[in-house]
PDB file of N, CA and C in Angstrom:
ATOM      1  N   MET A   1      -3.036  -4.669  -1.209  1.00  0.00           N
ATOM      2  CA  MET A   1      -2.510  -4.347  -2.427  1.00  0.00           C
ATOM      3  C   MET A   1      -3.574  -3.352  -3.165  1.00  0.00           C
ATOM      4  N   GLN A   2      -4.810  -3.648  -2.863  1.00  0.00           N
ATOM      5  CA  GLN A   2      -5.847  -2.894  -3.472  1.00  0.00           C
ATOM      6  C   GLN A   2      -5.674  -1.372  -3.092  1.00  0.00           C
ATOM      7  N   TRP A   3      -5.415  -1.051  -1.846  1.00  0.00           N
ATOM      8  CA  TRP A   3      -5.197   0.279  -1.336  1.00  0.00           C
ATOM      9  C   TRP A   3      -3.880   0.936  -1.867  1.00  0.00           C
ATOM     10  N   ALA A   4      -2.882   0.137  -2.142  1.00  0.00           N
ATOM     11  CA  ALA A   4      -1.677   0.528  -2.685  1.00  0.00           C
ATOM     12  C   ALA A   4      -1.940   0.971  -4.157  1.00  0.00           C
ATOM     13  N   ALA A   5      -2.776   0.147  -4.857  1.00  0.00           N
ATOM     14  CA  ALA A   5      -3.160   0.471  -6.223  1.00  0.00           C
ATOM     15  C   ALA A   5      -3.839   1.713  -6.465  1.00  0.00           C
ATOM     16  N   ARG A   6      -4.714   1.978  -5.346  1.00  0.00           N
ATOM     17  CA  ARG A   6      -5.440   3.309  -5.378  1.00  0.00           C
ATOM     18  C   ARG A   6      -4.689   4.419  -4.968  1.00  0.00           C
ATOM     19  N   GLY A   7      -3.453   4.299  -4.604  1.00  0.00           N
ATOM     20  CA  GLY A   7      -2.483   5.414  -4.181  1.00  0.00           C
ATOM     21  C   GLY A   7      -2.315   5.582  -2.602  1.00  0.00           C
ATOM     22  N   LYS A   8      -3.032   4.754  -1.801  1.00  0.00           N
ATOM     23  CA  LYS A   8      -2.784   4.921  -0.444  1.00  0.00           C
ATOM     24  C   LYS A   8      -1.346   4.648  -0.058  1.00  0.00           C
ATOM     25  N   SER A   9      -0.792   5.428   0.854  1.00  0.00           N
ATOM     26  CA  SER A   9       0.610   5.075   1.430  1.00  0.00           C
ATOM     27  C   SER A   9       0.606   3.945   2.318  1.00  0.00           C
ATOM     28  N   ALA A  10       1.742   3.362   2.602  1.00  0.00           N
ATOM     29  CA  ALA A  10       1.843   2.455   3.637  1.00  0.00           C
ATOM     30  C   ALA A  10       1.313   2.951   4.951  1.00  0.00           C
ATOM     31  N   SER A  11       1.760   4.169   5.286  1.00  0.00           N
ATOM     32  CA  SER A  11       1.379   4.788   6.506  1.00  0.00           C
ATOM     33  C   SER A  11      -0.181   4.986   6.581  1.00  0.00           C
ATOM     34  N   ASP A  12      -0.860   5.387   5.426  1.00  0.00           N
ATOM     35  CA  ASP A  12      -2.343   5.524   5.401  1.00  0.00           C
ATOM     36  C   ASP A  12      -2.998   4.269   5.748  1.00  0.00           C
ATOM     37  N   THR A  13      -2.525   3.188   4.928  1.00  0.00           N
ATOM     38  CA  THR A  13      -3.181   1.896   5.055  1.00  0.00           C
ATOM     39  C   THR A  13      -2.845   1.382   6.515  1.00  0.00           C
ATOM     40  N   ALA A  14      -1.692   1.533   7.086  1.00  0.00           N
ATOM     41  CA  ALA A  14      -1.419   1.121   8.519  1.00  0.00           C
ATOM     42  C   ALA A  14      -2.306   1.803   9.440  1.00  0.00           C
ATOM     43  N   CYS A  15      -2.634   3.082   9.226  1.00  0.00           N
ATOM     44  CA  CYS A  15      -3.297   3.965  10.279  1.00  0.00           C
ATOM     45  C   CYS A  15      -4.888   3.310  10.059  1.00  0.00           C
ATOM     46  N   ILE A  16      -5.329   3.015   8.912  1.00  0.00           N
ATOM     47  CA  ILE A  16      -6.689   2.416   8.800  1.00  0.00           C
ATOM     48  C   ILE A  16      -6.779   1.047   9.409  1.00  0.00           C
ATOM     49  N   LEU A  17      -5.808   0.260   9.319  1.00  0.00           N
ATOM     50  CA  LEU A  17      -5.833  -1.056   9.839  1.00  0.00           C
ATOM     51  C   LEU A  17      -5.400  -1.156  11.255  1.00  0.00           C
ATOM     52  N   GLY A  18      -4.784  -0.098  11.812  1.00  0.00           N
ATOM     53  CA  GLY A  18      -4.305  -0.072  13.153  1.00  0.00           C
ATOM     54  C   GLY A  18      -3.101  -0.897  13.423  1.00  0.00           C
ATOM     55  N   ILE A  19      -2.191  -0.945  12.432  1.00  0.00           N
ATOM     56  CA  ILE A  19      -0.898  -1.638  12.586  1.00  0.00           C
ATOM     57  C   ILE A  19       0.318  -0.653  12.179  1.00  0.00           C
ATOM     58  N   LYS A  20       1.444  -1.251  12.372  1.00  0.00           N
ATOM     59  CA  LYS A  20       2.599  -0.412  11.932  1.00  0.00           C
ATOM     60  C   LYS A  20       2.852  -0.237  10.522  1.00  0.00           C
ATOM     61  N   SER A  21       3.399   0.915  10.000  1.00  0.00           N
ATOM     62  CA  SER A  21       3.509   1.069   8.620  1.00  0.00           C
ATOM     63  C   SER A  21       4.507   0.006   8.006  1.00  0.00           C
ATOM     64  N   ARG A  22       5.464  -0.449   8.849  1.00  0.00           N
ATOM     65  CA  ARG A  22       6.503  -1.385   8.190  1.00  0.00           C
ATOM     66  C   ARG A  22       5.778  -2.677   7.937  1.00  0.00           C
ATOM     67  N   THR A  23       4.727  -3.062   8.833  1.00  0.00           N
ATOM     68  CA  THR A  23       3.920  -4.329   8.544  1.00  0.00           C
ATOM     69  C   THR A  23       3.132  -4.258   7.215  1.00  0.00           C
ATOM     70  N   VAL A  24       2.913  -3.141   6.725  1.00  0.00           N
ATOM     71  CA  VAL A  24       2.264  -2.932   5.458  1.00  0.00           C
ATOM     72  C   VAL A  24       3.296  -2.823   4.430  1.00  0.00           C
ATOM     73  N   ALA A  25       4.364  -2.003   4.632  1.00  0.00           N
ATOM     74  CA  ALA A  25       5.366  -1.867   3.538  1.00  0.00           C
ATOM     75  C   ALA A  25       6.166  -3.098   3.188  1.00  0.00           C
ATOM     76  N   PHE A  26       6.304  -4.051   4.222  1.00  0.00           N
ATOM     77  CA  PHE A  26       7.204  -5.125   3.823  1.00  0.00           C
ATOM     78  C   PHE A  26       6.648  -6.046   2.811  1.00  0.00           C
ATOM     79  N   PRO A  27       5.339  -6.397   2.846  1.00  0.00           N
ATOM     80  CA  PRO A  27       4.816  -7.216   1.704  1.00  0.00           C
ATOM     81  C   PRO A  27       4.737  -6.574   0.507  1.00  0.00           C
ATOM     82  N   LEU A  28       4.422  -5.248   0.420  1.00  0.00           N
ATOM     83  CA  LEU A  28       4.293  -4.480  -0.753  1.00  0.00           C
ATOM     84  C   LEU A  28       5.834  -4.433  -1.427  1.00  0.00           C
ATOM     85  N   ASP A  29       6.843  -4.303  -0.608  1.00  0.00           N
ATOM     86  CA  ASP A  29       8.261  -4.310  -1.160  1.00  0.00           C
ATOM     87  C   ASP A  29       8.497  -5.671  -1.781  1.00  0.00           C
ATOM     88  N   ASN A  30       8.175  -6.683  -1.167  1.00  0.00           N
ATOM     89  CA  ASN A  30       8.380  -8.100  -1.666  1.00  0.00           C
ATOM     90  C   ASN A  30       7.606  -8.255  -3.047  1.00  0.00           C
ATOM     91  N   ALA A  31       6.313  -7.643  -3.109  1.00  0.00           N
ATOM     92  CA  ALA A  31       5.555  -7.832  -4.348  1.00  0.00           C
ATOM     93  C   ALA A  31       6.182  -7.089  -5.527  1.00  0.00           C
ATOM     94  N   ARG A  32       6.700  -5.721  -5.122  1.00  0.00           N
ATOM     95  CA  ARG A  32       7.451  -5.069  -6.213  1.00  0.00           C
ATOM     96  C   ARG A  32       8.601  -5.765  -6.649  1.00  0.00           C
ATOM     97  N   ASN A  33       9.312  -6.393  -5.720  1.00  0.00           N
ATOM     98  CA  ASN A  33      10.519  -6.980  -6.139  1.00  0.00           C
ATOM     99  C   ASN A  33      10.147  -8.151  -7.043  1.00  0.00           C
ATOM    100  N   LYS A  34       9.229  -8.793  -6.760  1.00  0.00           N
ATOM    101  CA  LYS A  34       8.774 -10.051  -7.546  1.00  0.00           C
ATOM    102  C   LYS A  34       8.389  -9.606  -9.004  1.00  0.00           C
ATOM    103  N   LEU A  35       7.649  -8.409  -9.000  1.00  0.00           N
ATOM    104  CA  LEU A  35       7.220  -7.976 -10.308  1.00  0.00           C
ATOM    105  C   LEU A  35       8.317  -7.243 -11.030  1.00  0.00           C
ATOM    106  N   GLY A  36       9.509  -7.020 -10.417  1.00  0.00           N
ATOM    107  CA  GLY A  36      10.586  -6.361 -11.049  1.00  0.00           C
ATOM    108  C   GLY A  36      10.463  -4.939 -11.228  1.00  0.00           C
ATOM    109  N   VAL A  37       9.721  -4.298 -10.202  1.00  0.00           N
ATOM    110  CA  VAL A  37       9.532  -2.865 -10.197  1.00  0.00           C
ATOM    111  C   VAL A  37      10.435  -2.330  -9.169  1.00  0.00           C
ATOM    112  N   ARG A  38      11.112  -1.169  -9.443  1.00  0.00           N
ATOM    113  CA  ARG A  38      12.048  -0.619  -8.599  1.00  0.00           C
ATOM    114  C   ARG A  38      11.551   0.465  -7.676  1.00  0.00           C
ATOM    115  N   THR A  39      10.642   1.257  -8.255  1.00  0.00           N
ATOM    116  CA  THR A  39      10.063   2.376  -7.471  1.00  0.00           C
ATOM    117  C   THR A  39       8.567   2.286  -7.204  1.00  0.00           C
ATOM    118  N   LYS A  40       8.086   3.074  -6.360  1.00  0.00           N
ATOM    119  CA  LYS A  40       6.718   2.894  -5.877  1.00  0.00           C
ATOM    120  C   LYS A  40       5.588   3.367  -6.864  1.00  0.00           C
ATOM    121  N   LYS A  41       5.942   4.382  -7.692  1.00  0.00           N
ATOM    122  CA  LYS A  41       4.926   4.895  -8.551  1.00  0.00           C
ATOM    123  C   LYS A  41       4.634   3.777  -9.755  1.00  0.00           C
ATOM    124  N   PRO A  42       5.625   3.298 -10.417  1.00  0.00           N
ATOM    125  CA  PRO A  42       5.328   1.999 -11.355  1.00  0.00           C
ATOM    126  C   PRO A  42       4.693   0.961 -10.573  1.00  0.00           C
ATOM    127  N   GLY A  43       5.007   0.823  -9.392  1.00  0.00           N
ATOM    128  CA  GLY A  43       4.524  -0.331  -8.459  1.00  0.00           C
ATOM    129  C   GLY A  43       2.944  -0.290  -8.442  1.00  0.00           C
ATOM    130  N   ARG A  44       2.449   1.008  -8.159  1.00  0.00           N
ATOM    131  CA  ARG A  44       1.008   1.252  -8.094  1.00  0.00           C
ATOM    132  C   ARG A  44       0.364   0.697  -9.529  1.00  0.00           C
ATOM    133  N   SER A  45       0.963   1.030 -10.549  1.00  0.00           N
ATOM    134  CA  SER A  45       0.360   0.689 -11.722  1.00  0.00           C
ATOM    135  C   SER A  45       0.226  -0.824 -11.884  1.00  0.00           C
ATOM    136  N   ALA A  46       1.455  -1.572 -11.541  1.00  0.00           N
ATOM    137  CA  ALA A  46       1.466  -2.984 -11.596  1.00  0.00           C
ATOM    138  C   ALA A  46       0.451  -3.651 -10.669  1.00  0.00           C
ATOM    139  N   PHE A  47       0.269  -2.989  -9.419  1.00  0.00           N
ATOM    140  CA  PHE A  47      -0.751  -3.436  -8.501  1.00  0.00           C
ATOM    141  C   PHE A  47      -1.994  -3.220  -9.009  1.00  0.00           C
ATOM    142  N   SER A  48      -2.321  -2.199  -9.677  1.00  0.00           N
ATOM    143  CA  SER A  48      -3.712  -1.973 -10.169  1.00  0.00           C
ATOM    144  C   SER A  48      -4.058  -2.908 -11.258  1.00  0.00           C
ATOM    145  N   LEU A  49      -3.143  -3.337 -12.088  1.00  0.00           N
ATOM    146  CA  LEU A  49      -3.326  -4.332 -13.085  1.00  0.00           C
ATOM    147  C   LEU A  49      -3.753  -5.748 -12.503  1.00  0.00           C
ATOM    148  N   LEU A  50      -3.035  -5.979 -11.389  1.00  0.00           N
ATOM    149  CA  LEU A  50      -3.205  -7.223 -10.658  1.00  0.00           C
ATOM    150  C   LEU A  50      -4.516  -7.346 -10.042  1.00  0.00           C
ATOM    151  N   THR A  51      -5.008  -6.210  -9.503  1.00  0.00           N
ATOM    152  CA  THR A  51      -6.236  -6.090  -8.627  1.00  0.00           C
ATOM    153  C   THR A  51      -7.473  -5.914  -9.488  1.00  0.00           C
ATOM    154  N   SER A  52      -7.355  -5.493 -10.850  1.00  0.00           N
ATOM    155  CA  SER A  52      -8.563  -5.271 -11.552  1.00  0.00           C
ATOM    156  C   SER A  52      -9.018  -6.437 -12.304  1.00  0.00           C
TER     157      SER A  52
END
């Protein structure tokens, strides 16, 4: 979530970790749903509030 809050895409994070992008995207999608955020851009703001 910290990398998402800093603006890294799921594919960037997956490349860094050596895993598939869907493995990164799935939990981020779940977190966005729980926070009530529909799009990725406001999701980054919500994540940054949670990680700071």
